[in-house]
Amino acid sequence: MPEMTALQAAGLWSGLLILLLVGLAFRVVANRRKHRVLFGDGGVEQMTIATRAFGNAAEYIPLGIGALILLALLGWQPWVVHAVGAVFLLGRLIHGIGLSHGKGPGPSRMIGMVLTLVALVAAAGLLIACPLVGMTPA
C-alpha cells in the first residue's frame, strides 16, 4: 500500500466512520421492519436500543470527521491523523457494540466512550495548539 497523505488518511477514517453509521442505520431499518414500527420506538425495547445506538453515533461521528479533516488541512503528519482516526473509530465501534447488546452501562460502553473522548480531546488539543502557541504540525 502506498504512503498516504494526511488528507487521504482523513478520508480513509472518515469513510470507515460513515460505513459504521450506515451499518447502524441498517439495524434501525431492520428493526422497524421486524417490529412494524413506522415512527419512534413503538414501545419496543429492541427499537429503542437500535435507534439510540444510531443516534449516539450520529452525534459523535460528524465531530470526529470534522476534526480529522481539519488536522489534515492544518498540515499534521499522516501518522497523527491515523492515530486519532484509529482511536476514534475503535471507540465508536466498541461503544456501539456495548450499546447494542445491553441496557445499562457496561465495560464496552465505558471503554468506547473513553476512547472516543480521548481521540476528540487529542484532536482538540492539536487544533488549538496551532494558532495559540504557534505550533507547526510538520
C-alpha atoms as a PDB file:
ATOM      1  CA  MET A   1       0.000   0.000   0.000  1.00  0.00           C
ATOM      2  CA  PRO A   2       1.450   3.418  -0.939  1.00  0.00           C
ATOM      3  CA  GLU A   3       2.132   6.003   1.735  1.00  0.00           C
ATOM      4  CA  MET A   4      -0.864   8.258   2.347  1.00  0.00           C
ATOM      5  CA  THR A   5      -1.064  11.986   2.711  1.00  0.00           C
ATOM      6  CA  ALA A   6      -2.758  13.365   5.812  1.00  0.00           C
ATOM      7  CA  LEU A   7      -5.832  14.241   3.762  1.00  0.00           C
ATOM      8  CA  GLN A   8      -6.017  10.707   2.372  1.00  0.00           C
ATOM      9  CA  ALA A   9      -5.719   9.361   5.916  1.00  0.00           C
ATOM     10  CA  ALA A  10      -8.590  11.627   6.993  1.00  0.00           C
ATOM     11  CA  GLY A  11     -10.583  10.322   4.033  1.00  0.00           C
ATOM     12  CA  LEU A  12      -9.884   6.705   4.980  1.00  0.00           C
ATOM     13  CA  TRP A  13     -11.025   7.084   8.593  1.00  0.00           C
ATOM     14  CA  SER A  14     -13.971   9.265   7.585  1.00  0.00           C
ATOM     15  CA  GLY A  15     -15.116   6.636   5.099  1.00  0.00           C
ATOM     16  CA  LEU A  16     -14.879   3.896   7.719  1.00  0.00           C
ATOM     17  CA  LEU A  17     -16.812   6.014  10.215  1.00  0.00           C
ATOM     18  CA  ILE A  18     -19.520   6.679   7.633  1.00  0.00           C
ATOM     19  CA  LEU A  19     -19.796   2.939   6.970  1.00  0.00           C
ATOM     20  CA  LEU A  20     -20.220   2.352  10.711  1.00  0.00           C
ATOM     21  CA  LEU A  21     -23.022   4.918  10.781  1.00  0.00           C
ATOM     22  CA  VAL A  22     -24.700   3.333   7.745  1.00  0.00           C
ATOM     23  CA  GLY A  23     -24.442  -0.099   9.386  1.00  0.00           C
ATOM     24  CA  LEU A  24     -26.177   1.214  12.480  1.00  0.00           C
ATOM     25  CA  ALA A  25     -28.849   2.828  10.279  1.00  0.00           C
ATOM     26  CA  PHE A  26     -29.492  -0.535   8.606  1.00  0.00           C
ATOM     27  CA  ARG A  27     -30.030  -2.050  12.061  1.00  0.00           C
ATOM     28  CA  VAL A  28     -32.700   0.566  12.747  1.00  0.00           C
ATOM     29  CA  VAL A  29     -34.422  -0.152   9.423  1.00  0.00           C
ATOM     30  CA  ALA A  30     -34.279  -3.911  10.022  1.00  0.00           C
ATOM     31  CA  ASN A  31     -35.819  -3.474  13.464  1.00  0.00           C
ATOM     32  CA  ARG A  32     -38.531  -1.191  12.075  1.00  0.00           C
ATOM     33  CA  ARG A  33     -39.494  -3.863   9.549  1.00  0.00           C
ATOM     34  CA  LYS A  34     -39.268  -6.704  12.037  1.00  0.00           C
ATOM     35  CA  HIS A  35     -41.410  -4.953  14.651  1.00  0.00           C
ATOM     36  CA  ARG A  36     -43.565  -2.988  12.191  1.00  0.00           C
ATOM     37  CA  VAL A  37     -42.721   0.338  13.784  1.00  0.00           C
ATOM     38  CA  LEU A  38     -43.066   3.316  11.452  1.00  0.00           C
ATOM     39  CA  PHE A  39     -42.063   6.123  13.823  1.00  0.00           C
ATOM     40  CA  GLY A  40     -40.303   6.334  17.154  1.00  0.00           C
ATOM     41  CA  ASP A  41     -39.637   3.137  19.057  1.00  0.00           C
ATOM     42  CA  GLY A  42     -43.206   1.833  19.251  1.00  0.00           C
ATOM     43  CA  GLY A  43     -42.523   0.787  22.826  1.00  0.00           C
ATOM     44  CA  VAL A  44     -40.250  -1.998  21.543  1.00  0.00           C
ATOM     45  CA  GLU A  45     -37.026  -2.280  23.529  1.00  0.00           C
ATOM     46  CA  GLN A  46     -35.000  -3.524  20.533  1.00  0.00           C
ATOM     47  CA  MET A  47     -36.106  -0.437  18.589  1.00  0.00           C
ATOM     48  CA  THR A  48     -35.070   1.849  21.428  1.00  0.00           C
ATOM     49  CA  ILE A  49     -31.639   0.214  21.591  1.00  0.00           C
ATOM     50  CA  ALA A  50     -31.097   0.327  17.807  1.00  0.00           C
ATOM     51  CA  THR A  51     -32.196   3.955  17.456  1.00  0.00           C
ATOM     52  CA  ARG A  52     -30.119   5.024  20.440  1.00  0.00           C
ATOM     53  CA  ALA A  53     -27.012   3.267  19.081  1.00  0.00           C
ATOM     54  CA  PHE A  54     -27.500   5.056  15.748  1.00  0.00           C
ATOM     55  CA  GLY A  55     -28.307   8.374  17.417  1.00  0.00           C
ATOM     56  CA  ASN A  56     -25.255   8.264  19.631  1.00  0.00           C
ATOM     57  CA  ALA A  57     -23.011   7.545  16.652  1.00  0.00           C
ATOM     58  CA  ALA A  58     -24.702  10.313  14.653  1.00  0.00           C
ATOM     59  CA  GLU A  59     -23.946  12.738  17.498  1.00  0.00           C
ATOM     60  CA  TYR A  60     -20.216  11.998  17.628  1.00  0.00           C
ATOM     61  CA  ILE A  61     -19.113  10.842  14.171  1.00  0.00           C
ATOM     62  CA  PRO A  62     -19.569  14.195  12.361  1.00  0.00           C
ATOM     63  CA  LEU A  63     -17.462  15.880  15.028  1.00  0.00           C
ATOM     64  CA  GLY A  64     -14.719  13.279  14.618  1.00  0.00           C
ATOM     65  CA  ILE A  65     -14.758  13.555  10.829  1.00  0.00           C
ATOM     66  CA  GLY A  66     -14.510  17.329  11.050  1.00  0.00           C
ATOM     67  CA  ALA A  67     -11.563  17.080  13.423  1.00  0.00           C
ATOM     68  CA  LEU A  68      -9.740  14.619  11.146  1.00  0.00           C
ATOM     69  CA  ILE A  69     -10.205  16.866   8.122  1.00  0.00           C
ATOM     70  CA  LEU A  70      -9.018  19.950   9.997  1.00  0.00           C
ATOM     71  CA  LEU A  71      -5.939  18.132  11.302  1.00  0.00           C
ATOM     72  CA  ALA A  72      -5.072  17.153   7.733  1.00  0.00           C
ATOM     73  CA  LEU A  73      -5.725  20.627   6.321  1.00  0.00           C
ATOM     74  CA  LEU A  74      -3.573  22.244   9.000  1.00  0.00           C
ATOM     75  CA  GLY A  75      -0.694  20.029   7.951  1.00  0.00           C
ATOM     76  CA  TRP A  76      -0.400  17.460  10.722  1.00  0.00           C
ATOM     77  CA  GLN A  77       1.552  14.381   9.734  1.00  0.00           C
ATOM     78  CA  PRO A  78      -0.426  11.411   8.362  1.00  0.00           C
ATOM     79  CA  TRP A  79       0.515   9.273  11.390  1.00  0.00           C
ATOM     80  CA  VAL A  80      -1.188  11.828  13.651  1.00  0.00           C
ATOM     81  CA  VAL A  81      -4.383  11.670  11.585  1.00  0.00           C
ATOM     82  CA  HIS A  82      -4.170   7.858  11.556  1.00  0.00           C
ATOM     83  CA  ALA A  83      -3.700   7.727  15.333  1.00  0.00           C
ATOM     84  CA  VAL A  84      -6.659  10.000  16.061  1.00  0.00           C
ATOM     85  CA  GLY A  85      -8.807   8.253  13.440  1.00  0.00           C
ATOM     86  CA  ALA A  86      -7.984   4.752  14.682  1.00  0.00           C
ATOM     87  CA  VAL A  87      -8.669   5.558  18.332  1.00  0.00           C
ATOM     88  CA  PHE A  88     -11.890   7.352  17.415  1.00  0.00           C
ATOM     89  CA  LEU A  89     -13.168   4.510  15.192  1.00  0.00           C
ATOM     90  CA  LEU A  90     -12.244   1.899  17.786  1.00  0.00           C
ATOM     91  CA  GLY A  91     -14.082   3.886  20.434  1.00  0.00           C
ATOM     92  CA  ARG A  92     -17.181   4.239  18.278  1.00  0.00           C
ATOM     93  CA  LEU A  93     -17.144   0.517  17.398  1.00  0.00           C
ATOM     94  CA  ILE A  94     -16.729  -0.651  20.994  1.00  0.00           C
ATOM     95  CA  HIS A  95     -19.350   1.792  22.246  1.00  0.00           C
ATOM     96  CA  GLY A  96     -21.799   0.792  19.507  1.00  0.00           C
ATOM     97  CA  ILE A  97     -21.392  -2.885  20.314  1.00  0.00           C
ATOM     98  CA  GLY A  98     -21.846  -2.247  24.022  1.00  0.00           C
ATOM     99  CA  LEU A  99     -24.898  -0.091  23.470  1.00  0.00           C
ATOM    100  CA  SER A 100     -26.432  -2.596  21.069  1.00  0.00           C
ATOM    101  CA  HIS A 101     -26.151  -5.526  23.451  1.00  0.00           C
ATOM    102  CA  GLY A 102     -27.360  -4.184  26.728  1.00  0.00           C
ATOM    103  CA  LYS A 103     -29.424  -1.709  28.611  1.00  0.00           C
ATOM    104  CA  GLY A 104     -27.198  -0.454  31.354  1.00  0.00           C
ATOM    105  CA  PRO A 105     -23.724   0.926  31.441  1.00  0.00           C
ATOM    106  CA  GLY A 106     -21.221  -1.813  30.825  1.00  0.00           C
ATOM    107  CA  PRO A 107     -17.492  -2.046  30.247  1.00  0.00           C
ATOM    108  CA  SER A 108     -17.862  -1.826  26.452  1.00  0.00           C
ATOM    109  CA  ARG A 109     -19.818   1.387  26.629  1.00  0.00           C
ATOM    110  CA  MET A 110     -17.389   2.901  29.112  1.00  0.00           C
ATOM    111  CA  ILE A 111     -14.257   1.863  27.186  1.00  0.00           C
ATOM    112  CA  GLY A 112     -15.799   3.015  23.913  1.00  0.00           C
ATOM    113  CA  MET A 113     -16.731   6.396  25.330  1.00  0.00           C
ATOM    114  CA  VAL A 114     -13.298   6.885  26.908  1.00  0.00           C
ATOM    115  CA  LEU A 115     -11.566   6.112  23.587  1.00  0.00           C
ATOM    116  CA  THR A 116     -13.955   8.429  21.748  1.00  0.00           C
ATOM    117  CA  LEU A 117     -13.303  11.278  24.157  1.00  0.00           C
ATOM    118  CA  VAL A 118      -9.528  10.678  24.207  1.00  0.00           C
ATOM    119  CA  ALA A 119      -9.465  10.987  20.403  1.00  0.00           C
ATOM    120  CA  LEU A 120     -11.618  14.125  20.431  1.00  0.00           C
ATOM    121  CA  VAL A 121      -9.609  15.798  23.217  1.00  0.00           C
ATOM    122  CA  ALA A 122      -6.332  14.931  21.447  1.00  0.00           C
ATOM    123  CA  ALA A 123      -7.667  16.406  18.200  1.00  0.00           C
ATOM    124  CA  ALA A 124      -8.902  19.497  20.026  1.00  0.00           C
ATOM    125  CA  GLY A 125      -5.523  19.980  21.684  1.00  0.00           C
ATOM    126  CA  LEU A 126      -3.692  19.694  18.364  1.00  0.00           C
ATOM    127  CA  LEU A 127      -6.126  22.055  16.654  1.00  0.00           C
ATOM    128  CA  ILE A 128      -5.828  24.625  19.437  1.00  0.00           C
ATOM    129  CA  ALA A 129      -2.034  24.337  19.642  1.00  0.00           C
ATOM    130  CA  CYS A 130      -1.512  25.509  16.048  1.00  0.00           C
ATOM    131  CA  PRO A 131      -2.830  29.065  16.387  1.00  0.00           C
ATOM    132  CA  LEU A 132      -2.357  29.681  20.108  1.00  0.00           C
ATOM    133  CA  VAL A 133       1.187  28.563  20.655  1.00  0.00           C
ATOM    134  CA  GLY A 134       2.386  28.769  17.100  1.00  0.00           C
ATOM    135  CA  MET A 135       2.912  25.031  16.970  1.00  0.00           C
ATOM    136  CA  THR A 136       3.765  23.869  13.486  1.00  0.00           C
ATOM    137  CA  PRO A 137       2.417  20.431  12.640  1.00  0.00           C
ATOM    138  CA  ALA A 138       5.173  19.364  10.237  1.00  0.00           C
END
